[in-house]
Amino acid sequence: MKLPADHPLHLVIGLTIWSVWFIAAYGGLSVFCSANAVGGNEFTTINIGLLVFTALTCVLLGALAVWCWRRGRGFPGRVSAGIYIAAVIATAGVGAPIIYLPPCI
């Protein structure tokens, strides 16, 4: 089943993708820190993994925003695109510290 760009379900998909990313990123970081004894000032592979995961999530949300903006007609399509853009900003804003700060502080 493929949803059209102006389907009202897109109004919740963007922030749902963001919340899944948030839980997976911080949950994964917590599991990594509890399983590994990492010092406070080390840049580890978890930083690289979170960078890739955050970038892929931002690209997905951005592509959905562009798709809804171009294909959507009227209120649901335009607002869905705006919500996807808000989810991109939230993902990048919340993801920035876990990318460049050392884990397990």
PDB file of N, CA and C in Angstrom:
ATOM      1  N   MET A   1       0.842  -1.176   0.000  1.00  0.00           N
ATOM      2  CA  MET A   1       0.000   0.000   0.000  1.00  0.00           C
ATOM      3  C   MET A   1       0.886   1.237   0.000  1.00  0.00           C
ATOM      4  N   LYS A   2       0.692   2.070  -0.954  1.00  0.00           N
ATOM      5  CA  LYS A   2       1.447   3.312  -1.044  1.00  0.00           C
ATOM      6  C   LYS A   2       0.515   4.469  -0.721  1.00  0.00           C
ATOM      7  N   LEU A   3       0.924   5.282   0.244  1.00  0.00           N
ATOM      8  CA  LEU A   3       0.107   6.433   0.630  1.00  0.00           C
ATOM      9  C   LEU A   3       0.347   7.588  -0.323  1.00  0.00           C
ATOM     10  N   PRO A   4      -0.693   8.267  -0.740  1.00  0.00           N
ATOM     11  CA  PRO A   4      -0.477   9.482  -1.531  1.00  0.00           C
ATOM     12  C   PRO A   4       0.129  10.568  -0.647  1.00  0.00           C
ATOM     13  N   ALA A   5       0.748  11.541  -1.276  1.00  0.00           N
ATOM     14  CA  ALA A   5       1.473  12.582  -0.543  1.00  0.00           C
ATOM     15  C   ALA A   5       0.563  13.462   0.292  1.00  0.00           C
ATOM     16  N   ASP A   6      -0.695  13.522  -0.024  1.00  0.00           N
ATOM     17  CA  ASP A   6      -1.603  14.363   0.745  1.00  0.00           C
ATOM     18  C   ASP A   6      -2.461  13.566   1.732  1.00  0.00           C
ATOM     19  N   HIS A   7      -2.062  12.341   2.028  1.00  0.00           N
ATOM     20  CA  HIS A   7      -2.795  11.523   2.993  1.00  0.00           C
ATOM     21  C   HIS A   7      -2.559  12.063   4.407  1.00  0.00           C
ATOM     22  N   PRO A   8      -3.589  12.128   5.238  1.00  0.00           N
ATOM     23  CA  PRO A   8      -3.446  12.677   6.588  1.00  0.00           C
ATOM     24  C   PRO A   8      -2.506  11.885   7.499  1.00  0.00           C
ATOM     25  N   LEU A   9      -2.219  10.641   7.177  1.00  0.00           N
ATOM     26  CA  LEU A   9      -1.305   9.845   7.993  1.00  0.00           C
ATOM     27  C   LEU A   9       0.106  10.432   8.001  1.00  0.00           C
ATOM     28  N   HIS A  10       0.456  11.173   6.961  1.00  0.00           N
ATOM     29  CA  HIS A  10       1.769  11.816   6.923  1.00  0.00           C
ATOM     30  C   HIS A  10       1.930  12.863   8.024  1.00  0.00           C
ATOM     31  N   LEU A  11       0.826  13.318   8.589  1.00  0.00           N
ATOM     32  CA  LEU A  11       0.895  14.295   9.668  1.00  0.00           C
ATOM     33  C   LEU A  11       1.542  13.717  10.925  1.00  0.00           C
ATOM     34  N   VAL A  12       1.540  12.399  11.074  1.00  0.00           N
ATOM     35  CA  VAL A  12       2.152  11.776  12.253  1.00  0.00           C
ATOM     36  C   VAL A  12       3.389  10.944  11.932  1.00  0.00           C
ATOM     37  N   ILE A  13       3.606  10.624  10.680  1.00  0.00           N
ATOM     38  CA  ILE A  13       4.725   9.751  10.326  1.00  0.00           C
ATOM     39  C   ILE A  13       6.070  10.415  10.627  1.00  0.00           C
ATOM     40  N   GLY A  14       6.209  11.700  10.353  1.00  0.00           N
ATOM     41  CA  GLY A  14       7.491  12.378  10.552  1.00  0.00           C
ATOM     42  C   GLY A  14       7.965  12.345  11.989  1.00  0.00           C
ATOM     43  N   LEU A  15       7.105  12.702  12.914  1.00  0.00           N
ATOM     44  CA  LEU A  15       7.500  12.691  14.312  1.00  0.00           C
ATOM     45  C   LEU A  15       7.574  11.277  14.874  1.00  0.00           C
ATOM     46  N   THR A  16       6.871  10.331  14.249  1.00  0.00           N
ATOM     47  CA  THR A  16       7.018   8.931  14.645  1.00  0.00           C
ATOM     48  C   THR A  16       8.402   8.415  14.252  1.00  0.00           C
ATOM     49  N   ILE A  17       8.860   8.762  13.054  1.00  0.00           N
ATOM     50  CA  ILE A  17      10.212   8.379  12.634  1.00  0.00           C
ATOM     51  C   ILE A  17      11.238   9.018  13.565  1.00  0.00           C
ATOM     52  N   TRP A  18      11.039  10.283  13.922  1.00  0.00           N
ATOM     53  CA  TRP A  18      11.956  10.950  14.848  1.00  0.00           C
ATOM     54  C   TRP A  18      11.975  10.243  16.197  1.00  0.00           C
ATOM     55  N   SER A  19      10.815   9.851  16.723  1.00  0.00           N
ATOM     56  CA  SER A  19      10.784   9.209  18.037  1.00  0.00           C
ATOM     57  C   SER A  19      11.441   7.833  18.006  1.00  0.00           C
ATOM     58  N   VAL A  20      11.278   7.095  16.921  1.00  0.00           N
ATOM     59  CA  VAL A  20      11.959   5.804  16.784  1.00  0.00           C
ATOM     60  C   VAL A  20      13.464   6.020  16.729  1.00  0.00           C
ATOM     61  N   TRP A  21      13.913   7.037  15.981  1.00  0.00           N
ATOM     62  CA  TRP A  21      15.338   7.365  15.934  1.00  0.00           C
ATOM     63  C   TRP A  21      15.845   7.726  17.334  1.00  0.00           C
ATOM     64  N   PHE A  22      15.108   8.554  18.051  1.00  0.00           N
ATOM     65  CA  PHE A  22      15.506   9.008  19.376  1.00  0.00           C
ATOM     66  C   PHE A  22      15.674   7.838  20.339  1.00  0.00           C
ATOM     67  N   ILE A  23      14.691   6.941  20.359  1.00  0.00           N
ATOM     68  CA  ILE A  23      14.759   5.785  21.248  1.00  0.00           C
ATOM     69  C   ILE A  23      15.900   4.857  20.853  1.00  0.00           C
ATOM     70  N   ALA A  24      16.077   4.616  19.557  1.00  0.00           N
ATOM     71  CA  ALA A  24      17.149   3.721  19.103  1.00  0.00           C
ATOM     72  C   ALA A  24      18.523   4.323  19.365  1.00  0.00           C
ATOM     73  N   ALA A  25      18.680   5.621  19.106  1.00  0.00           N
ATOM     74  CA  ALA A  25      19.990   6.254  19.287  1.00  0.00           C
ATOM     75  C   ALA A  25      20.392   6.296  20.756  1.00  0.00           C
ATOM     76  N   TYR A  26      19.532   6.807  21.592  1.00  0.00           N
ATOM     77  CA  TYR A  26      19.881   6.900  23.007  1.00  0.00           C
ATOM     78  C   TYR A  26      19.843   5.548  23.702  1.00  0.00           C
ATOM     79  N   GLY A  27      18.967   4.662  23.290  1.00  0.00           N
ATOM     80  CA  GLY A  27      18.969   3.308  23.830  1.00  0.00           C
ATOM     81  C   GLY A  27      20.232   2.552  23.438  1.00  0.00           C
ATOM     82  N   GLY A  28      20.622   2.676  22.182  1.00  0.00           N
ATOM     83  CA  GLY A  28      21.859   2.047  21.729  1.00  0.00           C
ATOM     84  C   GLY A  28      23.085   2.610  22.419  1.00  0.00           C
ATOM     85  N   LEU A  29      23.096   3.915  22.617  1.00  0.00           N
ATOM     86  CA  LEU A  29      24.212   4.552  23.323  1.00  0.00           C
ATOM     87  C   LEU A  29      24.276   4.068  24.767  1.00  0.00           C
ATOM     88  N   SER A  30      23.143   3.931  25.416  1.00  0.00           N
ATOM     89  CA  SER A  30      23.115   3.451  26.797  1.00  0.00           C
ATOM     90  C   SER A  30      23.578   2.005  26.899  1.00  0.00           C
ATOM     91  N   VAL A  31      23.134   1.167  25.986  1.00  0.00           N
ATOM     92  CA  VAL A  31      23.562  -0.228  25.992  1.00  0.00           C
ATOM     93  C   VAL A  31      25.065  -0.314  25.717  1.00  0.00           C
ATOM     94  N   PHE A  32      25.558   0.470  24.778  1.00  0.00           N
ATOM     95  CA  PHE A  32      26.981   0.479  24.477  1.00  0.00           C
ATOM     96  C   PHE A  32      27.790   0.891  25.700  1.00  0.00           C
ATOM     97  N   CYS A  33      27.345   1.940  26.388  1.00  0.00           N
ATOM     98  CA  CYS A  33      28.093   2.428  27.546  1.00  0.00           C
ATOM     99  C   CYS A  33      28.039   1.449  28.712  1.00  0.00           C
ATOM    100  N   SER A  34      26.947   0.736  28.876  1.00  0.00           N
ATOM    101  CA  SER A  34      26.877  -0.226  29.971  1.00  0.00           C
ATOM    102  C   SER A  34      27.677  -1.490  29.668  1.00  0.00           C
ATOM    103  N   ALA A  35      27.857  -1.817  28.399  1.00  0.00           N
ATOM    104  CA  ALA A  35      28.581  -3.032  28.025  1.00  0.00           C
ATOM    105  C   ALA A  35      30.076  -2.807  27.867  1.00  0.00           C
ATOM    106  N   ASN A  36      30.501  -1.579  27.619  1.00  0.00           N
ATOM    107  CA  ASN A  36      31.916  -1.289  27.374  1.00  0.00           C
ATOM    108  C   ASN A  36      32.419  -0.274  28.391  1.00  0.00           C
ATOM    109  N   ALA A  37      33.638  -0.491  28.820  1.00  0.00           N
ATOM    110  CA  ALA A  37      34.277   0.473  29.721  1.00  0.00           C
ATOM    111  C   ALA A  37      35.051   1.466  28.859  1.00  0.00           C
ATOM    112  N   VAL A  38      34.404   2.570  28.529  1.00  0.00           N
ATOM    113  CA  VAL A  38      35.006   3.584  27.661  1.00  0.00           C
ATOM    114  C   VAL A  38      35.339   4.790  28.511  1.00  0.00           C
ATOM    115  N   GLY A  39      36.532   5.336  28.288  1.00  0.00           N
ATOM    116  CA  GLY A  39      36.938   6.522  29.026  1.00  0.00           C
ATOM    117  C   GLY A  39      36.140   7.740  28.614  1.00  0.00           C
ATOM    118  N   GLY A  40      36.353   8.830  29.301  1.00  0.00           N
ATOM    119  CA  GLY A  40      35.567  10.025  29.076  1.00  0.00           C
ATOM    120  C   GLY A  40      35.911  10.818  27.842  1.00  0.00           C
ATOM    121  N   ASN A  41      37.137  10.745  27.334  1.00  0.00           N
ATOM    122  CA  ASN A  41      37.544  11.623  26.242  1.00  0.00           C
ATOM    123  C   ASN A  41      37.876  10.876  24.954  1.00  0.00           C
ATOM    124  N   GLU A  42      37.329   9.706  24.760  1.00  0.00           N
ATOM    125  CA  GLU A  42      37.629   8.922  23.571  1.00  0.00           C
ATOM    126  C   GLU A  42      36.537   9.086  22.524  1.00  0.00           C
ATOM    127  N   PHE A  43      36.949   9.149  21.275  1.00  0.00           N
ATOM    128  CA  PHE A  43      36.026   9.132  20.146  1.00  0.00           C
ATOM    129  C   PHE A  43      35.963   7.690  19.665  1.00  0.00           C
ATOM    130  N   THR A  44      34.814   7.068  19.775  1.00  0.00           N
ATOM    131  CA  THR A  44      34.713   5.634  19.509  1.00  0.00           C
ATOM    132  C   THR A  44      33.867   5.359  18.266  1.00  0.00           C
ATOM    133  N   THR A  45      33.729   4.084  17.980  1.00  0.00           N
ATOM    134  CA  THR A  45      32.932   3.679  16.821  1.00  0.00           C
ATOM    135  C   THR A  45      31.452   3.983  17.014  1.00  0.00           C
ATOM    136  N   ILE A  46      31.018   4.104  18.255  1.00  0.00           N
ATOM    137  CA  ILE A  46      29.608   4.446  18.470  1.00  0.00           C
ATOM    138  C   ILE A  46      29.308   5.844  17.941  1.00  0.00           C
ATOM    139  N   ASN A  47      30.287   6.755  18.011  1.00  0.00           N
ATOM    140  CA  ASN A  47      30.088   8.087  17.449  1.00  0.00           C
ATOM    141  C   ASN A  47      29.896   8.022  15.935  1.00  0.00           C
ATOM    142  N   ILE A  48      30.681   7.193  15.284  1.00  0.00           N
ATOM    143  CA  ILE A  48      30.566   7.042  13.832  1.00  0.00           C
ATOM    144  C   ILE A  48      29.227   6.383  13.475  1.00  0.00           C
ATOM    145  N   GLY A  49      28.842   5.359  14.234  1.00  0.00           N
ATOM    146  CA  GLY A  49      27.564   4.704  13.999  1.00  0.00           C
ATOM    147  C   GLY A  49      26.389   5.653  14.186  1.00  0.00           C
ATOM    148  N   LEU A  50      26.453   6.480  15.221  1.00  0.00           N
ATOM    149  CA  LEU A  50      25.381   7.449  15.448  1.00  0.00           C
ATOM    150  C   LEU A  50      25.370   8.531  14.371  1.00  0.00           C
ATOM    151  N   LEU A  51      26.539   8.901  13.883  1.00  0.00           N
ATOM    152  CA  LEU A  51      26.610   9.868  12.785  1.00  0.00           C
ATOM    153  C   LEU A  51      25.911   9.327  11.543  1.00  0.00           C
ATOM    154  N   VAL A  52      26.202   8.084  11.199  1.00  0.00           N
ATOM    155  CA  VAL A  52      25.588   7.467  10.015  1.00  0.00           C
ATOM    156  C   VAL A  52      24.077   7.317  10.214  1.00  0.00           C
ATOM    157  N   PHE A  53      23.674   6.845  11.396  1.00  0.00           N
ATOM    158  CA  PHE A  53      22.255   6.651  11.693  1.00  0.00           C
ATOM    159  C   PHE A  53      21.504   7.977  11.662  1.00  0.00           C
ATOM    160  N   THR A  54      22.098   9.022  12.218  1.00  0.00           N
ATOM    161  CA  THR A  54      21.466  10.339  12.225  1.00  0.00           C
ATOM    162  C   THR A  54      21.379  10.914  10.813  1.00  0.00           C
ATOM    163  N   ALA A  55      22.440  10.761  10.043  1.00  0.00           N
ATOM    164  CA  ALA A  55      22.446  11.274   8.672  1.00  0.00           C
ATOM    165  C   ALA A  55      21.397  10.563   7.810  1.00  0.00           C
ATOM    166  N   LEU A  56      21.312   9.249   7.939  1.00  0.00           N
ATOM    167  CA  LEU A  56      20.317   8.503   7.161  1.00  0.00           C
ATOM    168  C   LEU A  56      18.890   8.893   7.551  1.00  0.00           C
ATOM    169  N   THR A  57      18.669   9.111   8.833  1.00  0.00           N
ATOM    170  CA  THR A  57      17.346   9.525   9.284  1.00  0.00           C
ATOM    171  C   THR A  57      17.002  10.911   8.746  1.00  0.00           C
ATOM    172  N   CYS A  58      17.978  11.834   8.785  1.00  0.00           N
ATOM    173  CA  CYS A  58      17.736  13.184   8.260  1.00  0.00           C
ATOM    174  C   CYS A  58      17.474  13.161   6.759  1.00  0.00           C
ATOM    175  N   VAL A  59      18.200  12.328   6.029  1.00  0.00           N
ATOM    176  CA  VAL A  59      17.988  12.222   4.578  1.00  0.00           C
ATOM    177  C   VAL A  59      16.605  11.652   4.286  1.00  0.00           C
ATOM    178  N   LEU A  60      16.196  10.630   5.025  1.00  0.00           N
ATOM    179  CA  LEU A  60      14.864  10.051   4.830  1.00  0.00           C
ATOM    180  C   LEU A  60      13.783  11.083   5.107  1.00  0.00           C
ATOM    181  N   LEU A  61      13.885  11.773   6.224  1.00  0.00           N
ATOM    182  CA  LEU A  61      12.879  12.770   6.565  1.00  0.00           C
ATOM    183  C   LEU A  61      12.873  13.928   5.565  1.00  0.00           C
ATOM    184  N   GLY A  62      14.057  14.343   5.118  1.00  0.00           N
ATOM    185  CA  GLY A  62      14.141  15.408   4.121  1.00  0.00           C
ATOM    186  C   GLY A  62      13.532  15.004   2.789  1.00  0.00           C
ATOM    187  N   ALA A  63      13.781  13.766   2.376  1.00  0.00           N
ATOM    188  CA  ALA A  63      13.204  13.279   1.120  1.00  0.00           C
ATOM    189  C   ALA A  63      11.679  13.200   1.219  1.00  0.00           C
ATOM    190  N   LEU A  64      11.182  12.776   2.351  1.00  0.00           N
ATOM    191  CA  LEU A  64       9.727  12.741   2.538  1.00  0.00           C
ATOM    192  C   LEU A  64       9.132  14.142   2.552  1.00  0.00           C
ATOM    193  N   ALA A  65       9.860  15.105   3.118  1.00  0.00           N
ATOM    194  CA  ALA A  65       9.380  16.498   3.124  1.00  0.00           C
ATOM    195  C   ALA A  65       9.284  17.046   1.705  1.00  0.00           C
ATOM    196  N   VAL A  66      10.318  16.818   0.918  1.00  0.00           N
ATOM    197  CA  VAL A  66      10.309  17.292  -0.472  1.00  0.00           C
ATOM    198  C   VAL A  66       9.200  16.603  -1.255  1.00  0.00           C
ATOM    199  N   TRP A  67       9.033  15.304  -1.055  1.00  0.00           N
ATOM    200  CA  TRP A  67       8.001  14.559  -1.767  1.00  0.00           C
ATOM    201  C   TRP A  67       6.613  15.075  -1.423  1.00  0.00           C
ATOM    202  N   CYS A  68       6.350  15.291  -0.122  1.00  0.00           N
ATOM    203  CA  CYS A  68       5.031  15.806   0.274  1.00  0.00           C
ATOM    204  C   CYS A  68       4.808  17.221  -0.239  1.00  0.00           C
ATOM    205  N   TRP A  69       5.861  18.032  -0.273  1.00  0.00           N
ATOM    206  CA  TRP A  69       5.712  19.406  -0.747  1.00  0.00           C
ATOM    207  C   TRP A  69       5.388  19.438  -2.244  1.00  0.00           C
ATOM    208  N   ARG A  70       6.076  18.594  -3.016  1.00  0.00           N
ATOM    209  CA  ARG A  70       5.880  18.607  -4.472  1.00  0.00           C
ATOM    210  C   ARG A  70       4.608  17.886  -4.909  1.00  0.00           C
ATOM    211  N   ARG A  71       4.297  16.769  -4.265  1.00  0.00           N
ATOM    212  CA  ARG A  71       3.176  15.945  -4.709  1.00  0.00           C
ATOM    213  C   ARG A  71       1.871  16.227  -3.976  1.00  0.00           C
ATOM    214  N   GLY A  72       1.994  16.738  -2.757  1.00  0.00           N
ATOM    215  CA  GLY A  72       0.791  16.953  -1.958  1.00  0.00           C
ATOM    216  C   GLY A  72      -0.004  18.163  -2.423  1.00  0.00           C
ATOM    217  N   ARG A  73      -1.303  18.037  -2.328  1.00  0.00           N
ATOM    218  CA  ARG A  73      -2.179  19.142  -2.710  1.00  0.00           C
ATOM    219  C   ARG A  73      -2.891  19.620  -1.457  1.00  0.00           C
ATOM    220  N   GLY A  74      -2.926  20.904  -1.298  1.00  0.00           N
ATOM    221  CA  GLY A  74      -3.711  21.474  -0.217  1.00  0.00           C
ATOM    222  C   GLY A  74      -3.075  21.340   1.148  1.00  0.00           C
ATOM    223  N   PHE A  75      -3.920  21.419   2.148  1.00  0.00           N
ATOM    224  CA  PHE A  75      -3.493  21.485   3.542  1.00  0.00           C
ATOM    225  C   PHE A  75      -2.671  20.284   4.013  1.00  0.00           C
ATOM    226  N   PRO A  76      -3.146  19.044   3.859  1.00  0.00           N
ATOM    227  CA  PRO A  76      -2.382  17.928   4.429  1.00  0.00           C
ATOM    228  C   PRO A  76      -0.983  17.782   3.839  1.00  0.00           C
ATOM    229  N   GLY A  77      -0.833  17.991   2.556  1.00  0.00           N
ATOM    230  CA  GLY A  77       0.480  17.839   1.931  1.00  0.00           C
ATOM    231  C   GLY A  77       1.478  18.880   2.392  1.00  0.00           C
ATOM    232  N   ARG A  78       1.057  20.132   2.458  1.00  0.00           N
ATOM    233  CA  ARG A  78       1.957  21.214   2.870  1.00  0.00           C
ATOM    234  C   ARG A  78       2.305  21.131   4.353  1.00  0.00           C
ATOM    235  N   VAL A  79       1.322  20.840   5.179  1.00  0.00           N
ATOM    236  CA  VAL A  79       1.589  20.735   6.610  1.00  0.00           C
ATOM    237  C   VAL A  79       2.444  19.506   6.905  1.00  0.00           C
ATOM    238  N   SER A  80       2.215  18.418   6.201  1.00  0.00           N
ATOM    239  CA  SER A  80       3.047  17.225   6.370  1.00  0.00           C
ATOM    240  C   SER A  80       4.501  17.529   6.028  1.00  0.00           C
ATOM    241  N   ALA A  81       4.711  18.281   4.965  1.00  0.00           N
ATOM    242  CA  ALA A  81       6.078  18.667   4.604  1.00  0.00           C
ATOM    243  C   ALA A  81       6.706  19.503   5.712  1.00  0.00           C
ATOM    244  N   GLY A  82       5.949  20.406   6.291  1.00  0.00           N
ATOM    245  CA  GLY A  82       6.460  21.210   7.396  1.00  0.00           C
ATOM    246  C   GLY A  82       6.790  20.375   8.622  1.00  0.00           C
ATOM    247  N   ILE A  83       5.968  19.383   8.900  1.00  0.00           N
ATOM    248  CA  ILE A  83       6.233  18.506  10.040  1.00  0.00           C
ATOM    249  C   ILE A  83       7.464  17.649   9.778  1.00  0.00           C
ATOM    250  N   TYR A  84       7.649  17.194   8.551  1.00  0.00           N
ATOM    251  CA  TYR A  84       8.867  16.456   8.214  1.00  0.00           C
ATOM    252  C   TYR A  84      10.100  17.348   8.385  1.00  0.00           C
ATOM    253  N   ILE A  85      10.000  18.598   7.994  1.00  0.00           N
ATOM    254  CA  ILE A  85      11.128  19.527   8.172  1.00  0.00           C
ATOM    255  C   ILE A  85      11.403  19.751   9.655  1.00  0.00           C
ATOM    256  N   ALA A  86      10.350  19.877  10.462  1.00  0.00           N
ATOM    257  CA  ALA A  86      10.535  20.009  11.910  1.00  0.00           C
ATOM    258  C   ALA A  86      11.210  18.766  12.487  1.00  0.00           C
ATOM    259  N   ALA A  87      10.882  17.593  11.962  1.00  0.00           N
ATOM    260  CA  ALA A  87      11.512  16.360  12.420  1.00  0.00           C
ATOM    261  C   ALA A  87      12.984  16.306  12.020  1.00  0.00           C
ATOM    262  N   VAL A  88      13.321  16.845  10.840  1.00  0.00           N
ATOM    263  CA  VAL A  88      14.732  16.923  10.433  1.00  0.00           C
ATOM    264  C   VAL A  88      15.503  17.829  11.390  1.00  0.00           C
ATOM    265  N   ILE A  89      14.931  18.971  11.708  1.00  0.00           N
ATOM    266  CA  ILE A  89      15.589  19.908  12.619  1.00  0.00           C
ATOM    267  C   ILE A  89      15.744  19.281  14.003  1.00  0.00           C
ATOM    268  N   ALA A  90      14.717  18.590  14.473  1.00  0.00           N
ATOM    269  CA  ALA A  90      14.794  17.936  15.780  1.00  0.00           C
ATOM    270  C   ALA A  90      15.838  16.823  15.783  1.00  0.00           C
ATOM    271  N   THR A  91      15.903  16.054  14.706  1.00  0.00           N
ATOM    272  CA  THR A  91      16.883  14.972  14.623  1.00  0.00           C
ATOM    273  C   THR A  91      18.297  15.527  14.609  1.00  0.00           C
ATOM    274  N   ALA A  92      18.523  16.555  13.811  1.00  0.00           N
ATOM    275  CA  ALA A  92      19.862  17.146  13.751  1.00  0.00           C
ATOM    276  C   ALA A  92      20.222  17.831  15.070  1.00  0.00           C
ATOM    277  N   GLY A  93      19.269  18.506  15.679  1.00  0.00           N
ATOM    278  CA  GLY A  93      19.551  19.207  16.928  1.00  0.00           C
ATOM    279  C   GLY A  93      19.828  18.277  18.090  1.00  0.00           C
ATOM    280  N   VAL A  94      19.063  17.211  18.187  1.00  0.00           N
ATOM    281  CA  VAL A  94      19.273  16.254  19.268  1.00  0.00           C
ATOM    282  C   VAL A  94      20.455  15.347  18.954  1.00  0.00           C
ATOM    283  N   GLY A  95      20.701  15.087  17.682  1.00  0.00           N
ATOM    284  CA  GLY A  95      21.788  14.197  17.298  1.00  0.00           C
ATOM    285  C   GLY A  95      23.160  14.830  17.334  1.00  0.00           C
ATOM    286  N   ALA A  96      23.244  16.138  17.236  1.00  0.00           N
ATOM    287  CA  ALA A  96      24.553  16.799  17.205  1.00  0.00           C
ATOM    288  C   ALA A  96      25.401  16.508  18.442  1.00  0.00           C
ATOM    289  N   PRO A  97      24.875  16.614  19.659  1.00  0.00           N
ATOM    290  CA  PRO A  97      25.730  16.331  20.820  1.00  0.00           C
ATOM    291  C   PRO A  97      26.187  14.880  20.913  1.00  0.00           C
ATOM    292  N   ILE A  98      25.349  13.926  20.532  1.00  0.00           N
ATOM    293  CA  ILE A  98      25.773  12.539  20.650  1.00  0.00           C
ATOM    294  C   ILE A  98      26.723  12.136  19.540  1.00  0.00           C
ATOM    295  N   ILE A  99      26.866  12.983  18.533  1.00  0.00           N
ATOM    296  CA  ILE A  99      27.814  12.691  17.478  1.00  0.00           C
ATOM    297  C   ILE A  99      29.211  13.185  17.843  1.00  0.00           C
ATOM    298  N   TYR A 100      29.312  14.427  18.331  1.00  0.00           N
ATOM    299  CA  TYR A 100      30.644  14.977  18.541  1.00  0.00           C
ATOM    300  C   TYR A 100      31.135  14.903  19.987  1.00  0.00           C
ATOM    301  N   LEU A 101      30.271  14.676  20.949  1.00  0.00           N
ATOM    302  CA  LEU A 101      30.727  14.522  22.332  1.00  0.00           C
ATOM    303  C   LEU A 101      31.191  13.090  22.564  1.00  0.00           C
ATOM    304  N   PRO A 102      32.158  12.891  23.420  1.00  0.00           N
ATOM    305  CA  PRO A 102      32.561  11.521  23.728  1.00  0.00           C
ATOM    306  C   PRO A 102      31.449  10.787  24.460  1.00  0.00           C
ATOM    307  N   PRO A 103      31.259   9.520  24.168  1.00  0.00           N
ATOM    308  CA  PRO A 103      30.168   8.781  24.817  1.00  0.00           C
ATOM    309  C   PRO A 103      30.539   8.433  26.263  1.00  0.00           C
ATOM    310  N   CYS A 104      29.555   8.056  27.009  1.00  0.00           N
ATOM    311  CA  CYS A 104      29.735   7.524  28.359  1.00  0.00           C
ATOM    312  C   CYS A 104      30.414   8.510  29.297  1.00  0.00           C
ATOM    313  N   ILE A 105      29.995   9.747  29.283  1.00  0.00           N
ATOM    314  CA  ILE A 105      30.594  10.723  30.196  1.00  0.00           C
ATOM    315  C   ILE A 105      29.938  10.596  31.546  1.00  0.00           C
TER     316      ILE A 105
END
